[in-house]
C-alpha cells in the first residue's frame, strides 16, 4: 500500500481533486466512487488518517461509530430502504487500495454471499 503522502483521499478532502460529494462534516467526507461496483457506490472516509481497520484504536471509537451513522443516513437519502452493503477492506490481501480507512456503501442491486 502507498504511504499516506500519496493518499488520494487526502487530496479529495483538501479539494485538490474534485469528487461528487454527498456528505461532509467536520469529521468525515462521503462521495460517489469513480469506479462503482453497484448502481449506488459511495465511499465514506474520516478526515483523520487511519491507515486500515487494523489501525483503529480505542480513541477512534466515536469517529468510527460516526462513519456508520453517516452511512445509514446516506443510504436513507439515496433510497436504499430495501437493503445495502457496507464493506471495509483491510490491507493488501483484503483488497484495500488506498491507505486510508473507508466504508464502501453499495446498493441498488442484489448482492450474493459469500462475496469475492
C-alpha atoms as a PDB file:
ATOM      1  CA  UNK A   1       0.000   0.000   0.000  1.00  0.00           C
ATOM      2  CA  UNK A   2       1.173   3.526  -0.742  1.00  0.00           C
ATOM      3  CA  UNK A   3       2.232   5.816   2.083  1.00  0.00           C
ATOM      4  CA  UNK A   4      -0.236   8.487   3.289  1.00  0.00           C
ATOM      5  CA  UNK A   5       1.572  11.233   1.317  1.00  0.00           C
ATOM      6  CA  UNK A   6       0.251   9.513  -1.821  1.00  0.00           C
ATOM      7  CA  UNK A   7      -3.224   9.226  -0.353  1.00  0.00           C
ATOM      8  CA  UNK A   8      -5.789  10.299  -2.956  1.00  0.00           C
ATOM      9  CA  UNK A   9      -8.422  10.668  -0.224  1.00  0.00           C
ATOM     10  CA  UNK A  10      -6.426  13.456   1.433  1.00  0.00           C
ATOM     11  CA  UNK A  11      -6.425  15.267  -1.913  1.00  0.00           C
ATOM     12  CA  UNK A  12     -10.205  14.866  -2.121  1.00  0.00           C
ATOM     13  CA  UNK A  13     -10.628  16.116   1.470  1.00  0.00           C
ATOM     14  CA  UNK A  14      -8.480  19.182   0.662  1.00  0.00           C
ATOM     15  CA  UNK A  15     -10.485  19.688  -2.566  1.00  0.00           C
ATOM     16  CA  UNK A  16      -7.319  19.345  -4.695  1.00  0.00           C
ATOM     17  CA  UNK A  17      -9.145  16.576  -6.579  1.00  0.00           C
ATOM     18  CA  UNK A  18     -12.851  17.007  -7.370  1.00  0.00           C
ATOM     19  CA  UNK A  19     -15.409  14.486  -6.168  1.00  0.00           C
ATOM     20  CA  UNK A  20     -19.173  14.155  -6.261  1.00  0.00           C
ATOM     21  CA  UNK A  21     -19.699  14.788  -2.558  1.00  0.00           C
ATOM     22  CA  UNK A  22     -22.889  13.567  -0.872  1.00  0.00           C
ATOM     23  CA  UNK A  23     -21.978  14.446   2.727  1.00  0.00           C
ATOM     24  CA  UNK A  24     -19.374  16.467   4.573  1.00  0.00           C
ATOM     25  CA  UNK A  25     -18.977  17.437   8.192  1.00  0.00           C
ATOM     26  CA  UNK A  26     -16.046  18.211  10.470  1.00  0.00           C
ATOM     27  CA  UNK A  27     -15.184  14.502  10.900  1.00  0.00           C
ATOM     28  CA  UNK A  28     -15.826  12.835   7.556  1.00  0.00           C
ATOM     29  CA  UNK A  29     -16.497  13.151   3.852  1.00  0.00           C
ATOM     30  CA  UNK A  30     -18.637  10.926   1.630  1.00  0.00           C
ATOM     31  CA  UNK A  31     -18.544  10.868  -2.153  1.00  0.00           C
ATOM     32  CA  UNK A  32     -19.507   8.689  -5.102  1.00  0.00           C
ATOM     33  CA  UNK A  33     -16.883   6.122  -6.109  1.00  0.00           C
ATOM     34  CA  UNK A  34     -15.403   6.814  -9.559  1.00  0.00           C
ATOM     35  CA  UNK A  35     -15.371   3.079 -10.327  1.00  0.00           C
ATOM     36  CA  UNK A  36     -18.728   1.964  -8.911  1.00  0.00           C
ATOM     37  CA  UNK A  37     -19.388  -1.736  -8.284  1.00  0.00           C
ATOM     38  CA  UNK A  38     -23.133  -1.155  -7.814  1.00  0.00           C
ATOM     39  CA  UNK A  39     -25.707   1.400  -9.013  1.00  0.00           C
ATOM     40  CA  UNK A  40     -25.050   3.268  -5.747  1.00  0.00           C
ATOM     41  CA  UNK A  41     -21.444   3.181  -4.525  1.00  0.00           C
ATOM     42  CA  UNK A  42     -20.406   5.834  -2.022  1.00  0.00           C
ATOM     43  CA  UNK A  43     -17.140   5.992  -0.085  1.00  0.00           C
ATOM     44  CA  UNK A  44     -17.266   7.349   3.458  1.00  0.00           C
ATOM     45  CA  UNK A  45     -13.893   8.454   4.800  1.00  0.00           C
ATOM     46  CA  UNK A  46     -12.731  10.010   8.056  1.00  0.00           C
ATOM     47  CA  UNK A  47     -10.835  13.273   7.739  1.00  0.00           C
ATOM     48  CA  UNK A  48      -8.343  11.819  10.217  1.00  0.00           C
ATOM     49  CA  UNK A  49      -5.976   9.333   8.581  1.00  0.00           C
ATOM     50  CA  UNK A  50      -6.382   5.838   9.940  1.00  0.00           C
ATOM     51  CA  UNK A  51      -4.485   3.591   7.507  1.00  0.00           C
ATOM     52  CA  UNK A  52      -6.516   0.380   7.873  1.00  0.00           C
ATOM     53  CA  UNK A  53      -9.197  -1.176  10.039  1.00  0.00           C
ATOM     54  CA  UNK A  54      -6.322  -2.918  11.849  1.00  0.00           C
ATOM     55  CA  UNK A  55      -5.117   0.534  12.951  1.00  0.00           C
ATOM     56  CA  UNK A  56      -8.359   1.512  14.674  1.00  0.00           C
ATOM     57  CA  UNK A  57      -7.559   2.338  18.297  1.00  0.00           C
ATOM     58  CA  UNK A  58      -9.861   2.919  21.286  1.00  0.00           C
ATOM     59  CA  UNK A  59      -9.620   6.686  20.755  1.00  0.00           C
ATOM     60  CA  UNK A  60     -11.154   6.219  17.284  1.00  0.00           C
ATOM     61  CA  UNK A  61     -14.344   4.572  18.587  1.00  0.00           C
ATOM     62  CA  UNK A  62     -16.538   7.674  18.371  1.00  0.00           C
ATOM     63  CA  UNK A  63     -15.235   8.563  14.896  1.00  0.00           C
ATOM     64  CA  UNK A  64     -15.769   5.048  13.536  1.00  0.00           C
ATOM     65  CA  UNK A  65     -19.270   4.988  15.001  1.00  0.00           C
ATOM     66  CA  UNK A  66     -19.942   8.329  13.321  1.00  0.00           C
ATOM     67  CA  UNK A  67     -18.951   6.838   9.938  1.00  0.00           C
ATOM     68  CA  UNK A  68     -21.637   4.168  10.347  1.00  0.00           C
ATOM     69  CA  UNK A  69     -24.269   6.720  11.405  1.00  0.00           C
ATOM     70  CA  UNK A  70     -23.424   8.778   8.312  1.00  0.00           C
ATOM     71  CA  UNK A  71     -23.618   5.640   6.139  1.00  0.00           C
ATOM     72  CA  UNK A  72     -27.139   4.905   7.409  1.00  0.00           C
ATOM     73  CA  UNK A  73     -28.250   8.489   6.727  1.00  0.00           C
ATOM     74  CA  UNK A  74     -26.824   8.455   3.204  1.00  0.00           C
ATOM     75  CA  UNK A  75     -28.445   5.086   2.474  1.00  0.00           C
ATOM     76  CA  UNK A  76     -31.795   6.530   3.501  1.00  0.00           C
ATOM     77  CA  UNK A  77     -31.252   9.714   1.459  1.00  0.00           C
ATOM     78  CA  UNK A  78     -30.322   7.673  -1.614  1.00  0.00           C
ATOM     79  CA  UNK A  79     -33.404   5.458  -1.351  1.00  0.00           C
ATOM     80  CA  UNK A  80     -31.724   2.223  -0.305  1.00  0.00           C
ATOM     81  CA  UNK A  81     -34.578   1.205   2.001  1.00  0.00           C
ATOM     82  CA  UNK A  82     -34.618  -2.318   0.530  1.00  0.00           C
ATOM     83  CA  UNK A  83     -31.057  -3.002   1.667  1.00  0.00           C
ATOM     84  CA  UNK A  84     -27.433  -2.195   1.047  1.00  0.00           C
ATOM     85  CA  UNK A  85     -23.966  -3.459   1.823  1.00  0.00           C
ATOM     86  CA  UNK A  86     -21.229  -1.805   3.884  1.00  0.00           C
ATOM     87  CA  UNK A  87     -17.706  -3.056   3.190  1.00  0.00           C
ATOM     88  CA  UNK A  88     -14.365  -2.267   4.811  1.00  0.00           C
ATOM     89  CA  UNK A  89     -11.335  -3.753   3.078  1.00  0.00           C
ATOM     90  CA  UNK A  90      -8.245  -4.148   5.259  1.00  0.00           C
ATOM     91  CA  UNK A  91      -4.729  -4.417   3.858  1.00  0.00           C
ATOM     92  CA  UNK A  92      -3.430  -5.569   0.507  1.00  0.00           C
ATOM     93  CA  UNK A  93      -4.814  -9.105   0.754  1.00  0.00           C
ATOM     94  CA  UNK A  94      -8.175  -7.711   1.853  1.00  0.00           C
ATOM     95  CA  UNK A  95      -8.412  -5.615  -1.316  1.00  0.00           C
ATOM     96  CA  UNK A  96      -7.609  -2.224   0.213  1.00  0.00           C
ATOM     97  CA  UNK A  97      -6.006   0.025  -2.415  1.00  0.00           C
ATOM     98  CA  UNK A  98      -5.928   3.381  -0.582  1.00  0.00           C
ATOM     99  CA  UNK A  99      -4.089   3.604   2.771  1.00  0.00           C
ATOM    100  CA  UNK A 100      -6.953   5.416   4.481  1.00  0.00           C
ATOM    101  CA  UNK A 101      -9.828   3.697   6.287  1.00  0.00           C
ATOM    102  CA  UNK A 102     -13.049   3.930   4.294  1.00  0.00           C
ATOM    103  CA  UNK A 103     -16.503   2.404   4.148  1.00  0.00           C
ATOM    104  CA  UNK A 104     -17.979   1.329   0.836  1.00  0.00           C
ATOM    105  CA  UNK A 105     -21.753   1.898   0.862  1.00  0.00           C
ATOM    106  CA  UNK A 106     -23.210  -0.086  -2.033  1.00  0.00           C
ATOM    107  CA  UNK A 107     -26.796  -0.647  -3.058  1.00  0.00           C
ATOM    108  CA  UNK A 108     -29.321  -0.601  -5.841  1.00  0.00           C
ATOM    109  CA  UNK A 109     -28.829  -4.280  -6.748  1.00  0.00           C
ATOM    110  CA  UNK A 110     -28.888  -7.718  -5.144  1.00  0.00           C
ATOM    111  CA  UNK A 111     -25.679  -8.963  -3.524  1.00  0.00           C
ATOM    112  CA  UNK A 112     -24.657 -12.580  -3.069  1.00  0.00           C
ATOM    113  CA  UNK A 113     -22.892 -14.320  -0.216  1.00  0.00           C
ATOM    114  CA  UNK A 114     -20.104 -15.048   0.213  1.00  0.00           C
ATOM    115  CA  UNK A 115     -18.579 -12.052  -1.550  1.00  0.00           C
ATOM    116  CA  UNK A 116     -15.320 -12.242  -3.514  1.00  0.00           C
END
